[in-house]
């Protein structure tokens, strides 16, 4: 709720797809919270 940005680290190699998937879930979660 106090974040100005969420950044998913380790988006490299075999982790790229997982990082993008995680980012999508965090993005969806932010839409149901009141931004700072």
ModelCIF file with pLDDT and N, C-alpha, C, O atoms, coordinates in Angstrom:
data_MODEL
#
_entry.id   MODEL 
#
_entity.id                         1 
_entity.type                       polymer 
_entity.pdbx_number_of_molecules   1 
#
_entity_poly.entity_id                      1 
_entity_poly.type                           'polypeptide(L)' 
_entity_poly.nstd_linkage                   no 
_entity_poly.nstd_monomer                   no 
_entity_poly.pdbx_seq_one_letter_code       
;(UNK)(UNK)(UNK)(UNK)(UNK)(UNK)(UNK)(UNK)(UNK)(UNK)(UNK)(UNK)(UNK)(UNK)(UNK)(UNK)
(UNK)(UNK)(UNK)(UNK)(UNK)(UNK)(UNK)(UNK)(UNK)(UNK)(UNK)(UNK)(UNK)(UNK)(UNK)(UNK)
(UNK)(UNK)(UNK)(UNK)
;
_entity_poly.pdbx_seq_one_letter_code_can   XXXXXXXXXXXXXXXXXXXXXXXXXXXXXXXXXXXX 
_entity_poly.pdbx_strand_id                 A 
#
loop_
_entity_poly_seq.entity_id 
_entity_poly_seq.num 
_entity_poly_seq.mon_id 
_entity_poly_seq.hetero 
1 1  UNK n 
1 2  UNK n 
1 3  UNK n 
1 4  UNK n 
1 5  UNK n 
1 6  UNK n 
1 7  UNK n 
1 8  UNK n 
1 9  UNK n 
1 10 UNK n 
1 11 UNK n 
1 12 UNK n 
1 13 UNK n 
1 14 UNK n 
1 15 UNK n 
1 16 UNK n 
1 17 UNK n 
1 18 UNK n 
1 19 UNK n 
1 20 UNK n 
1 21 UNK n 
1 22 UNK n 
1 23 UNK n 
1 24 UNK n 
1 25 UNK n 
1 26 UNK n 
1 27 UNK n 
1 28 UNK n 
1 29 UNK n 
1 30 UNK n 
1 31 UNK n 
1 32 UNK n 
1 33 UNK n 
1 34 UNK n 
1 35 UNK n 
1 36 UNK n 
#
_struct_asym.id          A 
_struct_asym.entity_id   1 
#
loop_
_ma_qa_metric.id 
_ma_qa_metric.mode 
_ma_qa_metric.name 
_ma_qa_metric.software_group_id 
_ma_qa_metric.type 
1 global pLDDT . pLDDT 
2 local  pLDDT . pLDDT 
#
_ma_qa_metric_global.metric_id      1 
_ma_qa_metric_global.metric_value   88.33 
_ma_qa_metric_global.model_id       1 
_ma_qa_metric_global.ordinal_id     1 
#
loop_
_ma_qa_metric_local.label_asym_id 
_ma_qa_metric_local.label_comp_id 
_ma_qa_metric_local.label_seq_id 
_ma_qa_metric_local.metric_id 
_ma_qa_metric_local.metric_value 
_ma_qa_metric_local.model_id 
_ma_qa_metric_local.ordinal_id 
A UNK 1  2 78.00 1 1  
A UNK 2  2 85.00 1 2  
A UNK 3  2 89.00 1 3  
A UNK 4  2 94.00 1 4  
A UNK 5  2 95.00 1 5  
A UNK 6  2 93.00 1 6  
A UNK 7  2 95.00 1 7  
A UNK 8  2 94.00 1 8  
A UNK 9  2 94.00 1 9  
A UNK 10 2 93.00 1 10 
A UNK 11 2 94.00 1 11 
A UNK 12 2 93.00 1 12 
A UNK 13 2 90.00 1 13 
A UNK 14 2 89.00 1 14 
A UNK 15 2 90.00 1 15 
A UNK 16 2 93.00 1 16 
A UNK 17 2 92.00 1 17 
A UNK 18 2 91.00 1 18 
A UNK 19 2 93.00 1 19 
A UNK 20 2 93.00 1 20 
A UNK 21 2 91.00 1 21 
A UNK 22 2 89.00 1 22 
A UNK 23 2 91.00 1 23 
A UNK 24 2 90.00 1 24 
A UNK 25 2 86.00 1 25 
A UNK 26 2 87.00 1 26 
A UNK 27 2 88.00 1 27 
A UNK 28 2 85.00 1 28 
A UNK 29 2 81.00 1 29 
A UNK 30 2 83.00 1 30 
A UNK 31 2 81.00 1 31 
A UNK 32 2 81.00 1 32 
A UNK 33 2 78.00 1 33 
A UNK 34 2 79.00 1 34 
A UNK 35 2 80.00 1 35 
A UNK 36 2 82.00 1 36 
#
loop_
_atom_site.group_PDB 
_atom_site.id 
_atom_site.type_symbol 
_atom_site.label_atom_id 
_atom_site.label_alt_id 
_atom_site.label_comp_id 
_atom_site.label_asym_id 
_atom_site.label_entity_id 
_atom_site.label_seq_id 
_atom_site.pdbx_PDB_ins_code 
_atom_site.Cartn_x 
_atom_site.Cartn_y 
_atom_site.Cartn_z 
_atom_site.occupancy 
_atom_site.B_iso_or_equiv 
_atom_site.pdbx_formal_charge 
_atom_site.auth_seq_id 
_atom_site.auth_comp_id 
_atom_site.auth_asym_id 
_atom_site.auth_atom_id 
_atom_site.pdbx_PDB_model_num 
ATOM 1   N N  . UNK A 1 1  ? 0.813  -1.216  0.000   1.00 78.00 ? 1  UNK A N  1 
ATOM 2   C CA . UNK A 1 1  ? 0.000  0.000   0.000   1.00 78.00 ? 1  UNK A CA 1 
ATOM 3   C C  . UNK A 1 1  ? 0.847  1.267   0.000   1.00 78.00 ? 1  UNK A C  1 
ATOM 4   O O  . UNK A 1 1  ? 0.388  2.316   -0.452  1.00 78.00 ? 1  UNK A O  1 
ATOM 5   N N  . UNK A 1 2  ? 2.069  1.182   0.498   1.00 85.00 ? 2  UNK A N  1 
ATOM 6   C CA . UNK A 1 2  ? 2.926  2.371   0.505   1.00 85.00 ? 2  UNK A CA 1 
ATOM 7   C C  . UNK A 1 2  ? 3.967  2.326   -0.607  1.00 85.00 ? 2  UNK A C  1 
ATOM 8   O O  . UNK A 1 2  ? 4.804  3.224   -0.709  1.00 85.00 ? 2  UNK A O  1 
ATOM 9   N N  . UNK A 1 3  ? 3.923  1.293   -1.438  1.00 89.00 ? 3  UNK A N  1 
ATOM 10  C CA . UNK A 1 3  ? 4.891  1.156   -2.535  1.00 89.00 ? 3  UNK A CA 1 
ATOM 11  C C  . UNK A 1 3  ? 4.568  2.129   -3.657  1.00 89.00 ? 3  UNK A C  1 
ATOM 12  O O  . UNK A 1 3  ? 3.404  2.331   -4.000  1.00 89.00 ? 3  UNK A O  1 
ATOM 13  N N  . UNK A 1 4  ? 5.608  2.730   -4.227  1.00 94.00 ? 4  UNK A N  1 
ATOM 14  C CA . UNK A 1 4  ? 5.454  3.542   -5.431  1.00 94.00 ? 4  UNK A CA 1 
ATOM 15  C C  . UNK A 1 4  ? 5.761  2.714   -6.673  1.00 94.00 ? 4  UNK A C  1 
ATOM 16  O O  . UNK A 1 4  ? 5.428  3.112   -7.790  1.00 94.00 ? 4  UNK A O  1 
ATOM 17  N N  . UNK A 1 5  ? 6.392  1.573   -6.478  1.00 95.00 ? 5  UNK A N  1 
ATOM 18  C CA . UNK A 1 5  ? 6.634  0.631   -7.574  1.00 95.00 ? 5  UNK A CA 1 
ATOM 19  C C  . UNK A 1 5  ? 7.004  -0.723  -6.990  1.00 95.00 ? 5  UNK A C  1 
ATOM 20  O O  . UNK A 1 5  ? 7.660  -0.800  -5.951  1.00 95.00 ? 5  UNK A O  1 
ATOM 21  N N  . UNK A 1 6  ? 6.584  -1.790  -7.657  1.00 93.00 ? 6  UNK A N  1 
ATOM 22  C CA . UNK A 1 6  ? 7.007  -3.144  -7.319  1.00 93.00 ? 6  UNK A CA 1 
ATOM 23  C C  . UNK A 1 6  ? 7.884  -3.642  -8.459  1.00 93.00 ? 6  UNK A C  1 
ATOM 24  O O  . UNK A 1 6  ? 7.496  -3.563  -9.624  1.00 93.00 ? 6  UNK A O  1 
ATOM 25  N N  . UNK A 1 7  ? 9.056  -4.150  -8.130  1.00 95.00 ? 7  UNK A N  1 
ATOM 26  C CA . UNK A 1 7  ? 9.984  -4.657  -9.148  1.00 95.00 ? 7  UNK A CA 1 
ATOM 27  C C  . UNK A 1 7  ? 10.325 -6.109  -8.825  1.00 95.00 ? 7  UNK A C  1 
ATOM 28  O O  . UNK A 1 7  ? 10.781 -6.417  -7.724  1.00 95.00 ? 7  UNK A O  1 
ATOM 29  N N  . UNK A 1 8  ? 10.103 -6.989  -9.783  1.00 94.00 ? 8  UNK A N  1 
ATOM 30  C CA . UNK A 1 8  ? 10.388 -8.416  -9.604  1.00 94.00 ? 8  UNK A CA 1 
ATOM 31  C C  . UNK A 1 8  ? 11.800 -8.682  -10.123 1.00 94.00 ? 8  UNK A C  1 
ATOM 32  O O  . UNK A 1 8  ? 12.071 -8.535  -11.315 1.00 94.00 ? 8  UNK A O  1 
ATOM 33  N N  . UNK A 1 9  ? 12.681 -9.070  -9.228  1.00 94.00 ? 9  UNK A N  1 
ATOM 34  C CA . UNK A 1 9  ? 14.081 -9.310  -9.562  1.00 94.00 ? 9  UNK A CA 1 
ATOM 35  C C  . UNK A 1 9  ? 14.275 -10.718 -10.147 1.00 94.00 ? 9  UNK A C  1 
ATOM 36  O O  . UNK A 1 9  ? 13.371 -11.554 -10.144 1.00 94.00 ? 9  UNK A O  1 
ATOM 37  N N  . UNK A 1 10 ? 15.486 -10.934 -10.643 1.00 93.00 ? 10 UNK A N  1 
ATOM 38  C CA . UNK A 1 10 ? 15.923 -12.234 -11.169 1.00 93.00 ? 10 UNK A CA 1 
ATOM 39  C C  . UNK A 1 10 ? 15.142 -12.669 -12.399 1.00 93.00 ? 10 UNK A C  1 
ATOM 40  O O  . UNK A 1 10 ? 14.883 -13.854 -12.608 1.00 93.00 ? 10 UNK A O  1 
ATOM 41  N N  . UNK A 1 11 ? 14.768 -11.661 -13.224 1.00 94.00 ? 11 UNK A N  1 
ATOM 42  C CA . UNK A 1 11 ? 14.101 -11.957 -14.487 1.00 94.00 ? 11 UNK A CA 1 
ATOM 43  C C  . UNK A 1 11 ? 15.166 -12.226 -15.548 1.00 94.00 ? 11 UNK A C  1 
ATOM 44  O O  . UNK A 1 11 ? 15.375 -11.427 -16.461 1.00 94.00 ? 11 UNK A O  1 
ATOM 45  N N  . UNK A 1 12 ? 15.827 -13.363 -15.404 1.00 93.00 ? 12 UNK A N  1 
ATOM 46  C CA . UNK A 1 12 ? 16.877 -13.732 -16.347 1.00 93.00 ? 12 UNK A CA 1 
ATOM 47  C C  . UNK A 1 12 ? 16.885 -15.249 -16.523 1.00 93.00 ? 12 UNK A C  1 
ATOM 48  O O  . UNK A 1 12 ? 16.406 -15.987 -15.661 1.00 93.00 ? 12 UNK A O  1 
ATOM 49  N N  . UNK A 1 13 ? 17.435 -15.705 -17.652 1.00 90.00 ? 13 UNK A N  1 
ATOM 50  C CA . UNK A 1 13 ? 17.521 -17.148 -17.891 1.00 90.00 ? 13 UNK A CA 1 
ATOM 51  C C  . UNK A 1 13 ? 16.170 -17.829 -17.845 1.00 90.00 ? 13 UNK A C  1 
ATOM 52  O O  . UNK A 1 13 ? 15.196 -17.360 -18.434 1.00 90.00 ? 13 UNK A O  1 
ATOM 53  N N  . UNK A 1 14 ? 16.129 -18.952 -17.128 1.00 89.00 ? 14 UNK A N  1 
ATOM 54  C CA . UNK A 1 14 ? 14.888 -19.726 -17.019 1.00 89.00 ? 14 UNK A CA 1 
ATOM 55  C C  . UNK A 1 14 ? 13.841 -19.044 -16.149 1.00 89.00 ? 14 UNK A C  1 
ATOM 56  O O  . UNK A 1 14 ? 12.686 -19.468 -16.122 1.00 89.00 ? 14 UNK A O  1 
ATOM 57  N N  . UNK A 1 15 ? 14.238 -17.985 -15.433 1.00 90.00 ? 15 UNK A N  1 
ATOM 58  C CA . UNK A 1 15 ? 13.320 -17.306 -14.512 1.00 90.00 ? 15 UNK A CA 1 
ATOM 59  C C  . UNK A 1 15 ? 12.442 -16.265 -15.194 1.00 90.00 ? 15 UNK A C  1 
ATOM 60  O O  . UNK A 1 15 ? 11.517 -15.746 -14.568 1.00 90.00 ? 15 UNK A O  1 
ATOM 61  N N  . UNK A 1 16 ? 12.704 -15.945 -16.460 1.00 93.00 ? 16 UNK A N  1 
ATOM 62  C CA . UNK A 1 16 ? 11.996 -14.834 -17.106 1.00 93.00 ? 16 UNK A CA 1 
ATOM 63  C C  . UNK A 1 16 ? 10.482 -15.056 -17.114 1.00 93.00 ? 16 UNK A C  1 
ATOM 64  O O  . UNK A 1 16 ? 9.719  -14.146 -16.789 1.00 93.00 ? 16 UNK A O  1 
ATOM 65  N N  . UNK A 1 17 ? 10.050 -16.254 -17.482 1.00 92.00 ? 17 UNK A N  1 
ATOM 66  C CA . UNK A 1 17 ? 8.610  -16.517 -17.533 1.00 92.00 ? 17 UNK A CA 1 
ATOM 67  C C  . UNK A 1 17 ? 7.982  -16.440 -16.153 1.00 92.00 ? 17 UNK A C  1 
ATOM 68  O O  . UNK A 1 17 ? 6.888  -15.901 -15.990 1.00 92.00 ? 17 UNK A O  1 
ATOM 69  N N  . UNK A 1 18 ? 8.677  -16.979 -15.160 1.00 91.00 ? 18 UNK A N  1 
ATOM 70  C CA . UNK A 1 18 ? 8.140  -16.930 -13.798 1.00 91.00 ? 18 UNK A CA 1 
ATOM 71  C C  . UNK A 1 18 ? 8.079  -15.498 -13.282 1.00 91.00 ? 18 UNK A C  1 
ATOM 72  O O  . UNK A 1 18 ? 7.134  -15.124 -12.587 1.00 91.00 ? 18 UNK A O  1 
ATOM 73  N N  . UNK A 1 19 ? 9.088  -14.697 -13.624 1.00 93.00 ? 19 UNK A N  1 
ATOM 74  C CA . UNK A 1 19 ? 9.100  -13.307 -13.195 1.00 93.00 ? 19 UNK A CA 1 
ATOM 75  C C  . UNK A 1 19 ? 7.926  -12.548 -13.814 1.00 93.00 ? 19 UNK A C  1 
ATOM 76  O O  . UNK A 1 19 ? 7.263  -11.763 -13.137 1.00 93.00 ? 19 UNK A O  1 
ATOM 77  N N  . UNK A 1 20 ? 7.676  -12.781 -15.080 1.00 93.00 ? 20 UNK A N  1 
ATOM 78  C CA . UNK A 1 20 ? 6.563  -12.103 -15.738 1.00 93.00 ? 20 UNK A CA 1 
ATOM 79  C C  . UNK A 1 20 ? 5.224  -12.536 -15.161 1.00 93.00 ? 20 UNK A C  1 
ATOM 80  O O  . UNK A 1 20 ? 4.307  -11.728 -15.019 1.00 93.00 ? 20 UNK A O  1 
ATOM 81  N N  . UNK A 1 21 ? 5.121  -13.817 -14.832 1.00 91.00 ? 21 UNK A N  1 
ATOM 82  C CA . UNK A 1 21 ? 3.875  -14.322 -14.235 1.00 91.00 ? 21 UNK A CA 1 
ATOM 83  C C  . UNK A 1 21 ? 3.659  -13.705 -12.857 1.00 91.00 ? 21 UNK A C  1 
ATOM 84  O O  . UNK A 1 21 ? 2.545  -13.315 -12.507 1.00 91.00 ? 21 UNK A O  1 
ATOM 85  N N  . UNK A 1 22 ? 4.741  -13.620 -12.077 1.00 89.00 ? 22 UNK A N  1 
ATOM 86  C CA . UNK A 1 22 ? 4.646  -13.012 -10.749 1.00 89.00 ? 22 UNK A CA 1 
ATOM 87  C C  . UNK A 1 22 ? 4.248  -11.547 -10.860 1.00 89.00 ? 22 UNK A C  1 
ATOM 88  O O  . UNK A 1 22 ? 3.429  -11.053 -10.085 1.00 89.00 ? 22 UNK A O  1 
ATOM 89  N N  . UNK A 1 23 ? 4.843  -10.853 -11.843 1.00 91.00 ? 23 UNK A N  1 
ATOM 90  C CA . UNK A 1 23 ? 4.513  -9.439  -12.037 1.00 91.00 ? 23 UNK A CA 1 
ATOM 91  C C  . UNK A 1 23 ? 3.038  -9.267  -12.365 1.00 91.00 ? 23 UNK A C  1 
ATOM 92  O O  . UNK A 1 23 ? 2.400  -8.321  -11.902 1.00 91.00 ? 23 UNK A O  1 
ATOM 93  N N  . UNK A 1 24 ? 2.498  -10.181 -13.164 1.00 90.00 ? 24 UNK A N  1 
ATOM 94  C CA . UNK A 1 24 ? 1.086  -10.111 -13.508 1.00 90.00 ? 24 UNK A CA 1 
ATOM 95  C C  . UNK A 1 24 ? 0.202  -10.260 -12.278 1.00 90.00 ? 24 UNK A C  1 
ATOM 96  O O  . UNK A 1 24 ? -0.810 -9.570  -12.150 1.00 90.00 ? 24 UNK A O  1 
ATOM 97  N N  . UNK A 1 25 ? 0.583  -11.163 -11.370 1.00 86.00 ? 25 UNK A N  1 
ATOM 98  C CA . UNK A 1 25 ? -0.209 -11.367 -10.156 1.00 86.00 ? 25 UNK A CA 1 
ATOM 99  C C  . UNK A 1 25 ? -0.117 -10.162 -9.231  1.00 86.00 ? 25 UNK A C  1 
ATOM 100 O O  . UNK A 1 25 ? -1.117 -9.752  -8.642  1.00 86.00 ? 25 UNK A O  1 
ATOM 101 N N  . UNK A 1 26 ? 1.070  -9.597  -9.101  1.00 87.00 ? 26 UNK A N  1 
ATOM 102 C CA . UNK A 1 26 ? 1.214  -8.402  -8.274  1.00 87.00 ? 26 UNK A CA 1 
ATOM 103 C C  . UNK A 1 26 ? 0.418  -7.239  -8.868  1.00 87.00 ? 26 UNK A C  1 
ATOM 104 O O  . UNK A 1 26 ? -0.186 -6.454  -8.137  1.00 87.00 ? 26 UNK A O  1 
ATOM 105 N N  . UNK A 1 27 ? 0.423  -7.135  -10.193 1.00 88.00 ? 27 UNK A N  1 
ATOM 106 C CA . UNK A 1 27 ? -0.303 -6.057  -10.863 1.00 88.00 ? 27 UNK A CA 1 
ATOM 107 C C  . UNK A 1 27 ? -1.803 -6.182  -10.584 1.00 88.00 ? 27 UNK A C  1 
ATOM 108 O O  . UNK A 1 27 ? -2.482 -5.190  -10.319 1.00 88.00 ? 27 UNK A O  1 
ATOM 109 N N  . UNK A 1 28 ? -2.297 -7.394  -10.648 1.00 85.00 ? 28 UNK A N  1 
ATOM 110 C CA . UNK A 1 28 ? -3.720 -7.617  -10.374 1.00 85.00 ? 28 UNK A CA 1 
ATOM 111 C C  . UNK A 1 28 ? -4.049 -7.295  -8.919  1.00 85.00 ? 28 UNK A C  1 
ATOM 112 O O  . UNK A 1 28 ? -5.109 -6.743  -8.624  1.00 85.00 ? 28 UNK A O  1 
ATOM 113 N N  . UNK A 1 29 ? -3.132 -7.645  -8.009  1.00 81.00 ? 29 UNK A N  1 
ATOM 114 C CA . UNK A 1 29 ? -3.365 -7.377  -6.586  1.00 81.00 ? 29 UNK A CA 1 
ATOM 115 C C  . UNK A 1 29 ? -3.412 -5.880  -6.306  1.00 81.00 ? 29 UNK A C  1 
ATOM 116 O O  . UNK A 1 29 ? -4.205 -5.430  -5.479  1.00 81.00 ? 29 UNK A O  1 
ATOM 117 N N  . UNK A 1 30 ? -2.575 -5.109  -6.985  1.00 83.00 ? 30 UNK A N  1 
ATOM 118 C CA . UNK A 1 30 ? -2.546 -3.664  -6.759  1.00 83.00 ? 30 UNK A CA 1 
ATOM 119 C C  . UNK A 1 30 ? -3.865 -2.994  -7.133  1.00 83.00 ? 30 UNK A C  1 
ATOM 120 O O  . UNK A 1 30 ? -4.226 -1.967  -6.557  1.00 83.00 ? 30 UNK A O  1 
ATOM 121 N N  . UNK A 1 31 ? -4.573 -3.562  -8.080  1.00 81.00 ? 31 UNK A N  1 
ATOM 122 C CA . UNK A 1 31 ? -5.824 -2.953  -8.528  1.00 81.00 ? 31 UNK A CA 1 
ATOM 123 C C  . UNK A 1 31 ? -6.921 -3.022  -7.470  1.00 81.00 ? 31 UNK A C  1 
ATOM 124 O O  . UNK A 1 31 ? -7.892 -2.268  -7.537  1.00 81.00 ? 31 UNK A O  1 
ATOM 125 N N  . UNK A 1 32 ? -6.777 -3.915  -6.500  1.00 81.00 ? 32 UNK A N  1 
ATOM 126 C CA . UNK A 1 32 ? -7.806 -4.003  -5.458  1.00 81.00 ? 32 UNK A CA 1 
ATOM 127 C C  . UNK A 1 32 ? -7.377 -3.275  -4.188  1.00 81.00 ? 32 UNK A C  1 
ATOM 128 O O  . UNK A 1 32 ? -8.098 -3.300  -3.190  1.00 81.00 ? 32 UNK A O  1 
ATOM 129 N N  . UNK A 1 33 ? -6.209 -2.627  -4.213  1.00 78.00 ? 33 UNK A N  1 
ATOM 130 C CA . UNK A 1 33 ? -5.733 -1.853  -3.073  1.00 78.00 ? 33 UNK A CA 1 
ATOM 131 C C  . UNK A 1 33 ? -5.757 -0.370  -3.401  1.00 78.00 ? 33 UNK A C  1 
ATOM 132 O O  . UNK A 1 33 ? -5.663 0.026   -4.563  1.00 78.00 ? 33 UNK A O  1 
ATOM 133 N N  . UNK A 1 34 ? -5.884 0.442   -2.364  1.00 79.00 ? 34 UNK A N  1 
ATOM 134 C CA . UNK A 1 34 ? -5.868 1.889   -2.553  1.00 79.00 ? 34 UNK A CA 1 
ATOM 135 C C  . UNK A 1 34 ? -4.431 2.359   -2.690  1.00 79.00 ? 34 UNK A C  1 
ATOM 136 O O  . UNK A 1 34 ? -3.635 2.138   -1.778  1.00 79.00 ? 34 UNK A O  1 
ATOM 137 N N  . UNK A 1 35 ? -4.065 3.005   -3.803  1.00 80.00 ? 35 UNK A N  1 
ATOM 138 C CA . UNK A 1 35 ? -2.683 3.439   -3.977  1.00 80.00 ? 35 UNK A CA 1 
ATOM 139 C C  . UNK A 1 35 ? -2.299 4.535   -2.992  1.00 80.00 ? 35 UNK A C  1 
ATOM 140 O O  . UNK A 1 35 ? -3.158 5.226   -2.444  1.00 80.00 ? 35 UNK A O  1 
ATOM 141 N N  . UNK A 1 36 ? -1.004 4.679   -2.778  1.00 82.00 ? 36 UNK A N  1 
ATOM 142 C CA . UNK A 1 36 ? -0.492 5.682   -1.851  1.00 82.00 ? 36 UNK A CA 1 
ATOM 143 C C  . UNK A 1 36 ? -0.844 7.092   -2.321  1.00 82.00 ? 36 UNK A C  1 
ATOM 144 O O  . UNK A 1 36 ? -0.491 8.069   -1.661  1.00 82.00 ? 36 UNK A O  1 
#
